Amino acid sequence: MKLKLSEWASIAEIIGAFAVVISLIYVGIQVNDSTSAVRAASANDANVAMQNWYLQIGSNQQTSELFYQALISEEALSNEEEFQFLMMYHGAFLAFQNNYLLAEEGTIDA
């Protein structure tokens, strides 16, 4: 049984359609895996940012004392100490803001 050229073309077209469907399924799986990887990396980055902030506050005695004094004391801080305290808090709030925005867009869990 000999097939005509048009019949071979039809068979090739059917095979091509199956190949396109299979490749689309494969791309869908890859996109899903990529999304999971991005979410994991974002969660890790958010965690590392907070971890670094805590380490910086906790590993330096002068910084720890200043932070603790600013939280519990009613005495005024010097201008330099107040500036340092504000920068510490600003760093923490930037990390909180980043975490909030990532949670709002669904990248990390709330």
Protein backbone atom coordinates (compact mmCIF):
# COMPACT_ATOMS: atom_id res chain seq x y z
CA MET A 1 0.00 0.00 0.00
CA LYS A 2 1.64 3.15 -1.23
CA LEU A 3 0.70 6.46 0.35
CA LYS A 4 0.42 9.63 -1.64
CA LEU A 5 2.41 12.69 -0.72
CA SER A 6 -0.71 14.44 0.64
CA GLU A 7 -1.38 11.46 2.92
CA TRP A 8 2.18 11.58 4.23
CA ALA A 9 1.69 15.32 4.84
CA SER A 10 -1.47 14.64 6.83
CA ILE A 11 0.32 12.03 8.95
CA ALA A 12 3.20 14.44 9.57
CA GLU A 13 0.71 17.14 10.54
CA ILE A 14 -0.93 14.83 13.11
CA ILE A 15 2.47 13.88 14.57
CA GLY A 16 3.42 17.57 14.68
CA ALA A 17 0.21 18.41 16.55
CA PHE A 18 0.95 15.72 19.14
CA ALA A 19 4.49 17.05 19.52
CA VAL A 20 3.18 20.57 20.12
CA VAL A 21 0.75 19.34 22.79
CA ILE A 22 3.49 17.34 24.52
CA SER A 23 5.88 20.30 24.43
CA LEU A 24 3.21 22.60 25.90
CA ILE A 25 2.64 20.17 28.76
CA TYR A 26 6.39 20.03 29.36
CA VAL A 27 6.63 23.85 29.38
CA GLY A 28 3.73 24.03 31.84
CA ILE A 29 5.52 21.66 34.20
CA GLN A 30 8.75 23.65 33.90
CA VAL A 31 6.97 26.95 34.63
CA ASN A 32 5.37 25.42 37.72
CA ASP A 33 8.77 24.18 38.94
CA SER A 34 10.29 27.58 38.24
CA THR A 35 7.55 29.32 40.22
CA SER A 36 8.20 27.04 43.18
CA ALA A 37 11.92 27.78 43.00
CA VAL A 38 11.30 31.55 42.91
CA ARG A 39 8.98 31.33 45.91
CA ALA A 40 11.52 29.31 47.86
CA ALA A 41 14.30 31.78 47.01
CA SER A 42 12.12 34.74 48.01
CA ALA A 43 11.20 33.14 51.32
CA ASN A 44 14.86 32.38 51.96
CA ASP A 45 15.92 35.94 51.12
CA ALA A 46 13.28 37.37 53.47
CA ASN A 47 14.44 35.06 56.24
CA VAL A 48 18.11 35.91 55.69
CA ALA A 49 17.38 39.65 55.80
CA MET A 50 15.68 39.34 59.20
CA GLN A 51 18.36 36.97 60.45
CA ASN A 52 21.10 39.44 59.50
CA TRP A 53 19.29 42.26 61.27
CA TYR A 54 18.99 40.22 64.47
CA LEU A 55 22.62 39.13 64.25
CA GLN A 56 23.81 42.70 63.82
CA ILE A 57 21.83 43.86 66.84
CA GLY A 58 22.70 40.88 69.00
CA SER A 59 26.35 40.35 68.16
CA ASN A 60 27.59 43.86 68.97
CA GLN A 61 27.46 44.80 72.66
CA GLN A 62 27.35 48.55 72.05
CA THR A 63 24.54 48.18 69.51
CA SER A 64 22.60 45.81 71.77
CA GLU A 65 22.92 48.17 74.73
CA LEU A 66 21.84 51.16 72.65
CA PHE A 67 18.86 49.31 71.24
CA TYR A 68 17.80 48.03 74.66
CA GLN A 69 18.30 51.44 76.29
CA ALA A 70 16.26 53.17 73.59
CA LEU A 71 13.38 50.72 74.08
CA ILE A 72 13.15 50.83 77.88
CA SER A 73 14.64 54.14 79.00
CA GLU A 74 12.82 57.43 79.28
CA GLU A 75 16.11 59.32 79.16
CA ALA A 76 16.91 61.14 75.97
CA LEU A 77 19.52 59.70 73.68
CA SER A 78 22.30 61.79 72.23
CA ASN A 79 21.82 62.87 68.62
CA GLU A 80 24.29 60.25 67.42
CA GLU A 81 22.62 57.47 69.45
CA GLU A 82 19.18 58.52 68.27
CA PHE A 83 20.35 58.46 64.66
CA GLN A 84 21.90 55.01 65.13
CA PHE A 85 18.71 53.71 66.77
CA LEU A 86 16.56 55.12 63.95
CA MET A 87 18.78 53.45 61.34
CA MET A 88 18.46 50.11 63.18
CA TYR A 89 14.69 50.43 63.24
CA HIS A 90 14.57 51.61 59.64
CA GLY A 91 16.49 48.50 58.57
CA ALA A 92 14.04 46.27 60.41
CA PHE A 93 11.01 48.02 58.94
CA LEU A 94 12.39 47.70 55.41
CA ALA A 95 12.68 43.95 55.96
CA PHE A 96 9.13 43.86 57.39
CA GLN A 97 7.87 45.86 54.41
CA ASN A 98 9.52 43.46 51.98
CA ASN A 99 8.02 40.47 53.79
CA TYR A 100 4.59 42.10 53.78
CA LEU A 101 4.70 42.82 50.06
CA LEU A 102 5.88 39.28 49.27
CA ALA A 103 3.01 37.92 51.38
CA GLU A 104 0.47 40.21 49.70
CA GLU A 105 1.45 39.00 46.24
CA GLY A 106 1.41 35.40 47.44
CA THR A 107 5.11 34.73 46.98
CA ILE A 108 5.53 33.76 50.63
CA ASP A 109 3.00 32.63 53.22
CA ALA A 110 1.47 35.29 55.41
